[in-house]
Structure formats: structure tokens, C-alpha cells
């Protein structure tokens, strides 16, 4: 019984730490994707990303999720991963150039 209690105590202390780390990693990745998307639309399309979400996904659970993500990132003091942001924006810019070239 003591051995089981020792394992429970050991893992019980690790679990919150692991959950916090996982939350930060997932939130950072999601926030980075949103930041790349947002930056692309504001710079290359000239529209606010949230306005696009509102128009495209009304009624708008996506906008609520983004606002929750931004609040979470602020609460956790997260910064977007520049590599993820750069890769996403690069891909969006390439696709946008094709769309503009075709006149769609």
C-alpha cells in the first residue's frame, strides 16, 4: 500500500506540471497559427482577420474561439512562434499570389 501511495504522490505532483506544459505548447502553436493568419490578411488583403472570420463563419463559434485563444495567450504571457508564423504566412502569400494572378 505504501508503494502505491508513493507512486500516486509522485505522479500526482508531475501531472499538473505536465498539463501546464501541454497547455502552453498547444496554446502557443494555436496562437502562432492565428498570428500568421491575422498578419497575412491585414498586410496582404488589407482586411482585419476577425472581420473575415465573422463574415465567413457567421454564426460565429470561430470568432469566439479566437477571442478565447487571444485571452489565453495574454493570460499565459505567450508569444507567437516566429517560425510557425513565418511558414504559415509564406504559404498564404504564395497561394494569394496564384489567386491574384488568375484574377479570381
PDB file of N, CA and C in Angstrom:
ATOM      1  N   UNK A   1       0.821  -1.190   0.000  1.00  0.00           N
ATOM      2  CA  UNK A   1       0.000   0.000   0.000  1.00  0.00           C
ATOM      3  C   UNK A   1       0.867   1.257   0.000  1.00  0.00           C
ATOM      4  N   UNK A   2       1.966   1.226   0.763  1.00  0.00           N
ATOM      5  CA  UNK A   2       2.854   2.381   0.817  1.00  0.00           C
ATOM      6  C   UNK A   2       3.494   2.644  -0.549  1.00  0.00           C
ATOM      7  N   UNK A   3       3.808   1.554  -1.260  1.00  0.00           N
ATOM      8  CA  UNK A   3       4.407   1.699  -2.591  1.00  0.00           C
ATOM      9  C   UNK A   3       3.414   2.369  -3.546  1.00  0.00           C
ATOM     10  N   UNK A   4       2.180   1.971  -3.468  1.00  0.00           N
ATOM     11  CA  UNK A   4       1.145   2.577  -4.322  1.00  0.00           C
ATOM     12  C   UNK A   4       0.960   4.043  -3.960  1.00  0.00           C
ATOM     13  N   UNK A   5       0.901   4.346  -2.684  1.00  0.00           N
ATOM     14  CA  UNK A   5       0.754   5.732  -2.240  1.00  0.00           C
ATOM     15  C   UNK A   5       1.932   6.588  -2.707  1.00  0.00           C
ATOM     16  N   UNK A   6       3.125   6.038  -2.674  1.00  0.00           N
ATOM     17  CA  UNK A   6       4.313   6.776  -3.123  1.00  0.00           C
ATOM     18  C   UNK A   6       4.219   7.071  -4.612  1.00  0.00           C
ATOM     19  N   UNK A   7       3.756   6.100  -5.412  1.00  0.00           N
ATOM     20  CA  UNK A   7       3.590   6.318  -6.851  1.00  0.00           C
ATOM     21  C   UNK A   7       2.512   7.354  -7.128  1.00  0.00           C
ATOM     22  N   UNK A   8       1.409   7.255  -6.416  1.00  0.00           N
ATOM     23  CA  UNK A   8       0.325   8.218  -6.599  1.00  0.00           C
ATOM     24  C   UNK A   8       0.804   9.621  -6.266  1.00  0.00           C
ATOM     25  N   UNK A   9       1.552   9.749  -5.190  1.00  0.00           N
ATOM     26  CA  UNK A   9       2.072  11.057  -4.794  1.00  0.00           C
ATOM     27  C   UNK A   9       3.049  11.596  -5.844  1.00  0.00           C
ATOM     28  N   UNK A  10       3.941  10.718  -6.314  1.00  0.00           N
ATOM     29  CA  UNK A  10       4.929  11.138  -7.306  1.00  0.00           C
ATOM     30  C   UNK A  10       4.237  11.582  -8.596  1.00  0.00           C
ATOM     31  N   UNK A  11       3.332  10.760  -9.113  1.00  0.00           N
ATOM     32  CA  UNK A  11       2.644  11.097 -10.355  1.00  0.00           C
ATOM     33  C   UNK A  11       1.645  12.228 -10.155  1.00  0.00           C
ATOM     34  N   UNK A  12       1.094  12.296  -8.977  1.00  0.00           N
ATOM     35  CA  UNK A  12       0.163  13.380  -8.667  1.00  0.00           C
ATOM     36  C   UNK A  12       0.845  14.742  -8.716  1.00  0.00           C
ATOM     37  N   UNK A  13       2.120  14.789  -8.378  1.00  0.00           N
ATOM     38  CA  UNK A  13       2.878  16.039  -8.452  1.00  0.00           C
ATOM     39  C   UNK A  13       3.296  16.347  -9.890  1.00  0.00           C
ATOM     40  N   UNK A  14       3.564  15.317 -10.678  1.00  0.00           N
ATOM     41  CA  UNK A  14       4.001  15.517 -12.058  1.00  0.00           C
ATOM     42  C   UNK A  14       2.856  15.909 -12.988  1.00  0.00           C
ATOM     43  N   UNK A  15       1.672  15.384 -12.746  1.00  0.00           N
ATOM     44  CA  UNK A  15       0.554  15.598 -13.656  1.00  0.00           C
ATOM     45  C   UNK A  15       0.212  17.080 -13.865  1.00  0.00           C
ATOM     46  N   UNK A  16       0.067  17.879 -12.818  1.00  0.00           N
ATOM     47  CA  UNK A  16      -0.229  19.297 -13.048  1.00  0.00           C
ATOM     48  C   UNK A  16       0.866  19.996 -13.853  1.00  0.00           C
ATOM     49  N   UNK A  17       2.108  19.651 -13.589  1.00  0.00           N
ATOM     50  CA  UNK A  17       3.223  20.248 -14.324  1.00  0.00           C
ATOM     51  C   UNK A  17       3.155  19.863 -15.809  1.00  0.00           C
ATOM     52  N   UNK A  18       2.890  18.598 -16.076  1.00  0.00           N
ATOM     53  CA  UNK A  18       2.767  18.145 -17.459  1.00  0.00           C
ATOM     54  C   UNK A  18       1.577  18.802 -18.159  1.00  0.00           C
ATOM     55  N   UNK A  19       0.484  18.922 -17.452  1.00  0.00           N
ATOM     56  CA  UNK A  19      -0.710  19.552 -18.040  1.00  0.00           C
ATOM     57  C   UNK A  19      -0.445  21.027 -18.336  1.00  0.00           C
ATOM     58  N   UNK A  20       0.243  21.715 -17.449  1.00  0.00           N
ATOM     59  CA  UNK A  20       0.591  23.123 -17.685  1.00  0.00           C
ATOM     60  C   UNK A  20       1.486  23.258 -18.907  1.00  0.00           C
ATOM     61  N   UNK A  21       2.468  22.398 -19.011  1.00  0.00           N
ATOM     62  CA  UNK A  21       3.392  22.440 -20.148  1.00  0.00           C
ATOM     63  C   UNK A  21       2.644  22.156 -21.456  1.00  0.00           C
ATOM     64  N   UNK A  22       1.774  21.164 -21.431  1.00  0.00           N
ATOM     65  CA  UNK A  22       0.990  20.825 -22.621  1.00  0.00           C
ATOM     66  C   UNK A  22       0.075  21.989 -23.019  1.00  0.00           C
ATOM     67  N   UNK A  23      -0.562  22.610 -22.032  1.00  0.00           N
ATOM     68  CA  UNK A  23      -1.426  23.759 -22.310  1.00  0.00           C
ATOM     69  C   UNK A  23      -0.629  24.876 -22.983  1.00  0.00           C
ATOM     70  N   UNK A  24       0.545  25.173 -22.462  1.00  0.00           N
ATOM     71  CA  UNK A  24       1.378  26.242 -23.036  1.00  0.00           C
ATOM     72  C   UNK A  24       1.815  25.906 -24.457  1.00  0.00           C
ATOM     73  N   UNK A  25       2.212  24.644 -24.678  1.00  0.00           N
ATOM     74  CA  UNK A  25       2.654  24.246 -26.012  1.00  0.00           C
ATOM     75  C   UNK A  25       1.521  24.340 -27.025  1.00  0.00           C
ATOM     76  N   UNK A  26       0.366  23.811 -26.669  1.00  0.00           N
ATOM     77  CA  UNK A  26      -0.777  23.839 -27.586  1.00  0.00           C
ATOM     78  C   UNK A  26      -1.271  25.263 -27.823  1.00  0.00           C
ATOM     79  N   UNK A  27      -1.333  26.043 -26.767  1.00  0.00           N
ATOM     80  CA  UNK A  27      -1.784  27.433 -26.900  1.00  0.00           C
ATOM     81  C   UNK A  27      -0.796  28.246 -27.732  1.00  0.00           C
ATOM     82  N   UNK A  28       0.494  28.005 -27.556  1.00  0.00           N
ATOM     83  CA  UNK A  28       1.497  28.718 -28.346  1.00  0.00           C
ATOM     84  C   UNK A  28       1.365  28.364 -29.822  1.00  0.00           C
ATOM     85  N   UNK A  29       1.182  27.102 -30.119  1.00  0.00           N
ATOM     86  CA  UNK A  29       1.035  26.687 -31.517  1.00  0.00           C
ATOM     87  C   UNK A  29      -0.227  27.289 -32.133  1.00  0.00           C
ATOM     88  N   UNK A  30      -1.338  27.212 -31.431  1.00  0.00           N
ATOM     89  CA  UNK A  30      -2.585  27.776 -31.946  1.00  0.00           C
ATOM     90  C   UNK A  30      -2.476  29.293 -32.104  1.00  0.00           C
ATOM     91  N   UNK A  31      -1.889  29.950 -31.126  1.00  0.00           N
ATOM     92  CA  UNK A  31      -1.727  31.405 -31.191  1.00  0.00           C
ATOM     93  C   UNK A  31      -0.796  31.791 -32.340  1.00  0.00           C
ATOM     94  N   UNK A  32       0.210  30.993 -32.592  1.00  0.00           N
ATOM     95  CA  UNK A  32       1.128  31.253 -33.701  1.00  0.00           C
ATOM     96  C   UNK A  32       0.412  31.133 -35.035  1.00  0.00           C
ATOM     97  N   UNK A  33      -0.416  30.113 -35.180  1.00  0.00           N
ATOM     98  CA  UNK A  33      -1.194  29.954 -36.413  1.00  0.00           C
ATOM     99  C   UNK A  33      -2.136  31.136 -36.611  1.00  0.00           C
ATOM    100  N   UNK A  34      -2.828  31.526 -35.565  1.00  0.00           N
ATOM    101  CA  UNK A  34      -3.722  32.669 -35.659  1.00  0.00           C
ATOM    102  C   UNK A  34      -2.949  33.943 -36.002  1.00  0.00           C
ATOM    103  N   UNK A  35      -1.802  34.128 -35.388  1.00  0.00           N
ATOM    104  CA  UNK A  35      -0.998  35.320 -35.636  1.00  0.00           C
ATOM    105  C   UNK A  35      -0.537  35.385 -37.091  1.00  0.00           C
ATOM    106  N   UNK A  36      -0.147  34.239 -37.649  1.00  0.00           N
ATOM    107  CA  UNK A  36       0.254  34.196 -39.051  1.00  0.00           C
ATOM    108  C   UNK A  36      -0.904  34.512 -39.977  1.00  0.00           C
ATOM    109  N   UNK A  37      -2.046  33.925 -39.708  1.00  0.00           N
ATOM    110  CA  UNK A  37      -3.261  34.155 -40.488  1.00  0.00           C
ATOM    111  C   UNK A  37      -3.658  35.627 -40.407  1.00  0.00           C
ATOM    112  N   UNK A  38      -3.679  36.136 -39.199  1.00  0.00           N
ATOM    113  CA  UNK A  38      -4.075  37.530 -38.960  1.00  0.00           C
ATOM    114  C   UNK A  38      -3.125  38.493 -39.670  1.00  0.00           C
ATOM    115  N   UNK A  39      -1.830  38.270 -39.527  1.00  0.00           N
ATOM    116  CA  UNK A  39      -0.848  39.141 -40.158  1.00  0.00           C
ATOM    117  C   UNK A  39      -0.951  39.126 -41.673  1.00  0.00           C
ATOM    118  N   UNK A  40      -1.161  37.943 -42.229  1.00  0.00           N
ATOM    119  CA  UNK A  40      -1.303  37.840 -43.682  1.00  0.00           C
ATOM    120  C   UNK A  40      -2.485  38.660 -44.180  1.00  0.00           C
ATOM    121  N   UNK A  41      -3.639  38.461 -43.582  1.00  0.00           N
ATOM    122  CA  UNK A  41      -4.833  39.163 -44.058  1.00  0.00           C
ATOM    123  C   UNK A  41      -4.724  40.667 -43.883  1.00  0.00           C
ATOM    124  N   UNK A  42      -4.159  41.083 -42.789  1.00  0.00           N
ATOM    125  CA  UNK A  42      -4.048  42.520 -42.573  1.00  0.00           C
ATOM    126  C   UNK A  42      -3.020  43.151 -43.513  1.00  0.00           C
ATOM    127  N   UNK A  43      -1.925  42.445 -43.783  1.00  0.00           N
ATOM    128  CA  UNK A  43      -0.875  43.007 -44.635  1.00  0.00           C
ATOM    129  C   UNK A  43      -1.163  42.852 -46.127  1.00  0.00           C
ATOM    130  N   UNK A  44      -1.617  41.677 -46.551  1.00  0.00           N
ATOM    131  CA  UNK A  44      -1.741  41.393 -47.975  1.00  0.00           C
ATOM    132  C   UNK A  44      -3.142  41.570 -48.534  1.00  0.00           C
ATOM    133  N   UNK A  45      -4.139  41.440 -47.702  1.00  0.00           N
ATOM    134  CA  UNK A  45      -5.509  41.578 -48.170  1.00  0.00           C
ATOM    135  C   UNK A  45      -6.086  42.927 -47.753  1.00  0.00           C
ATOM    136  N   UNK A  46      -5.544  43.486 -46.693  1.00  0.00           N
ATOM    137  CA  UNK A  46      -6.000  44.791 -46.229  1.00  0.00           C
ATOM    138  C   UNK A  46      -7.282  44.738 -45.419  1.00  0.00           C
ATOM    139  N   UNK A  47      -7.583  43.580 -44.858  1.00  0.00           N
ATOM    140  CA  UNK A  47      -8.779  43.415 -44.035  1.00  0.00           C
ATOM    141  C   UNK A  47      -8.402  42.821 -42.690  1.00  0.00           C
ATOM    142  N   UNK A  48      -9.191  43.154 -41.683  1.00  0.00           N
ATOM    143  CA  UNK A  48      -8.972  42.568 -40.360  1.00  0.00           C
ATOM    144  C   UNK A  48      -9.397  41.101 -40.388  1.00  0.00           C
ATOM    145  N   UNK A  49      -8.547  40.258 -39.860  1.00  0.00           N
ATOM    146  CA  UNK A  49      -8.811  38.821 -39.872  1.00  0.00           C
ATOM    147  C   UNK A  49     -10.098  38.475 -39.131  1.00  0.00           C
ATOM    148  N   UNK A  50     -10.385  39.167 -38.057  1.00  0.00           N
ATOM    149  CA  UNK A  50     -11.617  38.877 -37.305  1.00  0.00           C
ATOM    150  C   UNK A  50     -12.857  39.215 -38.124  1.00  0.00           C
ATOM    151  N   UNK A  51     -12.785  40.257 -38.939  1.00  0.00           N
ATOM    152  CA  UNK A  51     -13.923  40.603 -39.798  1.00  0.00           C
ATOM    153  C   UNK A  51     -14.158  39.510 -40.832  1.00  0.00           C
ATOM    154  N   UNK A  52     -13.072  38.965 -41.359  1.00  0.00           N
ATOM    155  CA  UNK A  52     -13.197  37.871 -42.324  1.00  0.00           C
ATOM    156  C   UNK A  52     -13.842  36.663 -41.654  1.00  0.00           C
ATOM    157  N   UNK A  53     -13.391  36.327 -40.451  1.00  0.00           N
ATOM    158  CA  UNK A  53     -13.999  35.210 -39.717  1.00  0.00           C
ATOM    159  C   UNK A  53     -15.483  35.449 -39.494  1.00  0.00           C
ATOM    160  N   UNK A  54     -15.824  36.662 -39.152  1.00  0.00           N
ATOM    161  CA  UNK A  54     -17.226  36.977 -38.865  1.00  0.00           C
ATOM    162  C   UNK A  54     -18.089  36.779 -40.101  1.00  0.00           C
ATOM    163  N   UNK A  55     -17.593  37.205 -41.241  1.00  0.00           N
ATOM    164  CA  UNK A  55     -18.358  37.080 -42.481  1.00  0.00           C
ATOM    165  C   UNK A  55     -18.435  35.625 -42.938  1.00  0.00           C
ATOM    166  N   UNK A  56     -17.326  34.923 -42.865  1.00  0.00           N
ATOM    167  CA  UNK A  56     -17.243  33.576 -43.408  1.00  0.00           C
ATOM    168  C   UNK A  56     -17.900  32.539 -42.511  1.00  0.00           C
ATOM    169  N   UNK A  57     -17.879  32.736 -41.219  1.00  0.00           N
ATOM    170  CA  UNK A  57     -18.362  31.688 -40.305  1.00  0.00           C
ATOM    171  C   UNK A  57     -19.515  32.144 -39.421  1.00  0.00           C
ATOM    172  N   UNK A  58     -20.377  33.032 -39.928  1.00  0.00           N
ATOM    173  CA  UNK A  58     -21.482  33.520 -39.113  1.00  0.00           C
ATOM    174  C   UNK A  58     -22.621  32.507 -39.131  1.00  0.00           C
ATOM    175  N   UNK A  59     -23.228  32.056 -38.046  1.00  0.00           N
ATOM    176  CA  UNK A  59     -22.932  32.419 -36.673  1.00  0.00           C
ATOM    177  C   UNK A  59     -21.537  31.951 -36.301  1.00  0.00           C
ATOM    178  N   UNK A  60     -20.970  32.624 -35.336  1.00  0.00           N
ATOM    179  CA  UNK A  60     -19.538  32.632 -35.246  1.00  0.00           C
ATOM    180  C   UNK A  60     -18.854  31.945 -34.069  1.00  0.00           C
ATOM    181  N   UNK A  61     -18.831  30.636 -34.041  1.00  0.00           N
ATOM    182  CA  UNK A  61     -18.049  29.981 -32.982  1.00  0.00           C
ATOM    183  C   UNK A  61     -16.550  30.178 -33.196  1.00  0.00           C
ATOM    184  N   UNK A  62     -16.112  30.344 -34.450  1.00  0.00           N
ATOM    185  CA  UNK A  62     -14.679  30.529 -34.721  1.00  0.00           C
ATOM    186  C   UNK A  62     -14.180  31.826 -34.103  1.00  0.00           C
ATOM    187  N   UNK A  63     -14.936  32.883 -34.226  1.00  0.00           N
ATOM    188  CA  UNK A  63     -14.528  34.170 -33.661  1.00  0.00           C
ATOM    189  C   UNK A  63     -14.448  34.084 -32.140  1.00  0.00           C
ATOM    190  N   UNK A  64     -15.402  33.409 -31.539  1.00  0.00           N
ATOM    191  CA  UNK A  64     -15.372  33.227 -30.084  1.00  0.00           C
ATOM    192  C   UNK A  64     -14.133  32.441 -29.667  1.00  0.00           C
ATOM    193  N   UNK A  65     -13.779  31.431 -30.448  1.00  0.00           N
ATOM    194  CA  UNK A  65     -12.595  30.627 -30.130  1.00  0.00           C
ATOM    195  C   UNK A  65     -11.320  31.453 -30.248  1.00  0.00           C
ATOM    196  N   UNK A  66     -11.259  32.292 -31.283  1.00  0.00           N
ATOM    197  CA  UNK A  66     -10.078  33.146 -31.468  1.00  0.00           C
ATOM    198  C   UNK A  66      -9.961  34.133 -30.310  1.00  0.00           C
ATOM    199  N   UNK A  67     -11.074  34.717 -29.910  1.00  0.00           N
ATOM    200  CA  UNK A  67     -11.033  35.663 -28.793  1.00  0.00           C
ATOM    201  C   UNK A  67     -10.621  34.962 -27.506  1.00  0.00           C
ATOM    202  N   UNK A  68     -11.096  33.744 -27.318  1.00  0.00           N
ATOM    203  CA  UNK A  68     -10.682  32.954 -26.153  1.00  0.00           C
ATOM    204  C   UNK A  68      -9.182  32.644 -26.236  1.00  0.00           C
ATOM    205  N   UNK A  69      -8.703  32.283 -27.424  1.00  0.00           N
ATOM    206  CA  UNK A  69      -7.283  31.998 -27.627  1.00  0.00           C
ATOM    207  C   UNK A  69      -6.431  33.225 -27.327  1.00  0.00           C
ATOM    208  N   UNK A  70      -6.845  34.383 -27.805  1.00  0.00           N
ATOM    209  CA  UNK A  70      -6.082  35.606 -27.540  1.00  0.00           C
ATOM    210  C   UNK A  70      -6.041  35.913 -26.045  1.00  0.00           C
ATOM    211  N   UNK A  71      -7.159  35.730 -25.372  1.00  0.00           N
ATOM    212  CA  UNK A  71      -7.197  35.960 -23.927  1.00  0.00           C
ATOM    213  C   UNK A  71      -6.294  34.962 -23.195  1.00  0.00           C
ATOM    214  N   UNK A  72      -6.314  33.715 -23.656  1.00  0.00           N
ATOM    215  CA  UNK A  72      -5.480  32.677 -23.034  1.00  0.00           C
ATOM    216  C   UNK A  72      -4.006  32.997 -23.233  1.00  0.00           C
ATOM    217  N   UNK A  73      -3.652  33.400 -24.450  1.00  0.00           N
ATOM    218  CA  UNK A  73      -2.259  33.739 -24.749  1.00  0.00           C
ATOM    219  C   UNK A  73      -1.800  34.917 -23.890  1.00  0.00           C
ATOM    220  N   UNK A  74      -2.672  35.879 -23.707  1.00  0.00           N
ATOM    221  CA  UNK A  74      -2.327  37.028 -22.863  1.00  0.00           C
ATOM    222  C   UNK A  74      -2.151  36.590 -21.411  1.00  0.00           C
ATOM    223  N   UNK A  75      -3.086  35.770 -20.932  1.00  0.00           N
ATOM    224  CA  UNK A  75      -3.026  35.285 -19.550  1.00  0.00           C
ATOM    225  C   UNK A  75      -1.746  34.487 -19.291  1.00  0.00           C
ATOM    226  N   UNK A  76      -1.367  33.652 -20.255  1.00  0.00           N
ATOM    227  CA  UNK A  76      -0.171  32.825 -20.106  1.00  0.00           C
ATOM    228  C   UNK A  76       1.098  33.563 -20.532  1.00  0.00           C
ATOM    229  N   UNK A  77       0.935  34.800 -20.990  1.00  0.00           N
ATOM    230  CA  UNK A  77       2.048  35.624 -21.469  1.00  0.00           C
ATOM    231  C   UNK A  77       2.830  34.911 -22.574  1.00  0.00           C
ATOM    232  N   UNK A  78       2.069  34.392 -23.550  1.00  0.00           N
ATOM    233  CA  UNK A  78       2.668  33.668 -24.659  1.00  0.00           C
ATOM    234  C   UNK A  78       3.012  34.616 -25.795  1.00  0.00           C
ATOM    235  N   UNK A  79       3.996  34.234 -26.554  1.00  0.00           N
ATOM    236  CA  UNK A  79       4.335  34.928 -27.789  1.00  0.00           C
ATOM    237  C   UNK A  79       4.249  33.913 -28.909  1.00  0.00           C
ATOM    238  N   UNK A  80       3.842  34.393 -30.079  1.00  0.00           N
ATOM    239  CA  UNK A  80       3.755  33.514 -31.231  1.00  0.00           C
ATOM    240  C   UNK A  80       5.144  33.025 -31.624  1.00  0.00           C
ATOM    241  N   UNK A  81       5.215  31.791 -32.075  1.00  0.00           N
ATOM    242  CA  UNK A  81       6.463  31.202 -32.551  1.00  0.00           C
ATOM    243  C   UNK A  81       6.756  31.776 -33.937  1.00  0.00           C
ATOM    244  N   UNK A  82       7.838  32.548 -34.087  1.00  0.00           N
ATOM    245  CA  UNK A  82       8.114  33.204 -35.364  1.00  0.00           C
ATOM    246  C   UNK A  82       8.284  32.225 -36.526  1.00  0.00           C
ATOM    247  N   UNK A  83       8.772  31.024 -36.247  1.00  0.00           N
ATOM    248  CA  UNK A  83       8.947  30.033 -37.312  1.00  0.00           C
ATOM    249  C   UNK A  83       7.587  29.577 -37.847  1.00  0.00           C
ATOM    250  N   UNK A  84       6.656  29.285 -36.960  1.00  0.00           N
ATOM    251  CA  UNK A  84       5.320  28.864 -37.374  1.00  0.00           C
ATOM    252  C   UNK A  84       4.623  30.006 -38.114  1.00  0.00           C
ATOM    253  N   UNK A  85       4.713  31.210 -37.561  1.00  0.00           N
ATOM    254  CA  UNK A  85       4.086  32.379 -38.192  1.00  0.00           C
ATOM    255  C   UNK A  85       4.663  32.581 -39.594  1.00  0.00           C
ATOM    256  N   UNK A  86       5.975  32.517 -39.715  1.00  0.00           N
ATOM    257  CA  UNK A  86       6.626  32.727 -40.999  1.00  0.00           C
ATOM    258  C   UNK A  86       6.235  31.687 -42.031  1.00  0.00           C
ATOM    259  N   UNK A  87       6.218  30.421 -41.633  1.00  0.00           N
ATOM    260  CA  UNK A  87       5.847  29.351 -42.560  1.00  0.00           C
ATOM    261  C   UNK A  87       4.416  29.512 -43.041  1.00  0.00           C
ATOM    262  N   UNK A  88       3.512  29.810 -42.125  1.00  0.00           N
ATOM    263  CA  UNK A  88       2.111  29.962 -42.495  1.00  0.00           C
ATOM    264  C   UNK A  88       1.933  31.152 -43.429  1.00  0.00           C
ATOM    265  N   UNK A  89       2.509  32.280 -43.076  1.00  0.00           N
ATOM    266  CA  UNK A  89       2.371  33.476 -43.909  1.00  0.00           C
ATOM    267  C   UNK A  89       2.977  33.261 -45.283  1.00  0.00           C
ATOM    268  N   UNK A  90       4.112  32.573 -45.335  1.00  0.00           N
ATOM    269  CA  UNK A  90       4.750  32.302 -46.623  1.00  0.00           C
ATOM    270  C   UNK A  90       3.820  31.480 -47.519  1.00  0.00           C
ATOM    271  N   UNK A  91       3.225  30.454 -46.954  1.00  0.00           N
ATOM    272  CA  UNK A  91       2.290  29.627 -47.721  1.00  0.00           C
ATOM    273  C   UNK A  91       1.075  30.411 -48.167  1.00  0.00           C
ATOM    274  N   UNK A  92       0.542  31.237 -47.290  1.00  0.00           N
ATOM    275  CA  UNK A  92      -0.621  32.050 -47.656  1.00  0.00           C
ATOM    276  C   UNK A  92      -0.268  33.063 -48.735  1.00  0.00           C
ATOM    277  N   UNK A  93       0.894  33.670 -48.643  1.00  0.00           N
ATOM    278  CA  UNK A  93       1.331  34.642 -49.651  1.00  0.00           C
ATOM    279  C   UNK A  93       1.467  33.964 -51.010  1.00  0.00           C
ATOM    280  N   UNK A  94       2.063  32.780 -51.040  1.00  0.00           N
ATOM    281  CA  UNK A  94       2.215  32.049 -52.301  1.00  0.00           C
ATOM    282  C   UNK A  94       0.856  31.738 -52.920  1.00  0.00           C
ATOM    283  N   UNK A  95      -0.058  31.251 -52.114  1.00  0.00           N
ATOM    284  CA  UNK A  95      -1.393  30.921 -52.618  1.00  0.00           C
ATOM    285  C   UNK A  95      -2.147  32.178 -53.044  1.00  0.00           C
ATOM    286  N   UNK A  96      -1.991  33.247 -52.303  1.00  0.00           N
ATOM    287  CA  UNK A  96      -2.646  34.501 -52.637  1.00  0.00           C
ATOM    288  C   UNK A  96      -2.135  35.039 -53.980  1.00  0.00           C
ATOM    289  N   UNK A  97      -0.835  34.896 -54.221  1.00  0.00           N
ATOM    290  CA  UNK A  97      -0.256  35.348 -55.485  1.00  0.00           C
ATOM    291  C   UNK A  97      -0.861  34.579 -56.652  1.00  0.00           C
ATOM    292  N   UNK A  98      -1.063  33.286 -56.484  1.00  0.00           N
ATOM    293  CA  UNK A  98      -1.681  32.467 -57.541  1.00  0.00           C
ATOM    294  C   UNK A  98      -3.111  32.931 -57.796  1.00  0.00           C
ATOM    295  N   UNK A  99      -3.847  33.180 -56.733  1.00  0.00           N
ATOM    296  CA  UNK A  99      -5.232  33.641 -56.861  1.00  0.00           C
ATOM    297  C   UNK A  99      -5.281  34.988 -57.574  1.00  0.00           C
ATOM    298  N   UNK A 100      -4.415  35.903 -57.174  1.00  0.00           N
ATOM    299  CA  UNK A 100      -4.383  37.232 -57.807  1.00  0.00           C
ATOM    300  C   UNK A 100      -3.981  37.131 -59.271  1.00  0.00           C
ATOM    301  N   UNK A 101      -3.030  36.246 -59.560  1.00  0.00           N
ATOM    302  CA  UNK A 101      -2.568  36.076 -60.933  1.00  0.00           C
ATOM    303  C   UNK A 101      -3.689  35.551 -61.837  1.00  0.00           C
ATOM    304  N   UNK A 102      -4.496  34.685 -61.307  1.00  0.00           N
ATOM    305  CA  UNK A 102      -5.617  34.110 -62.081  1.00  0.00           C
ATOM    306  C   UNK A 102      -6.802  35.064 -62.167  1.00  0.00           C
ATOM    307  N   UNK A 103      -6.758  36.105 -61.329  1.00  0.00           N
ATOM    308  CA  UNK A 103      -7.858  37.063 -61.357  1.00  0.00           C
ATOM    309  C   UNK A 103      -9.138  36.559 -60.725  1.00  0.00           C
ATOM    310  N   UNK A 104      -8.991  35.633 -59.816  1.00  0.00           N
ATOM    311  CA  UNK A 104     -10.168  35.043 -59.148  1.00  0.00           C
ATOM    312  C   UNK A 104     -10.714  36.005 -58.136  1.00  0.00           C
TER     313      UNK A 104
END
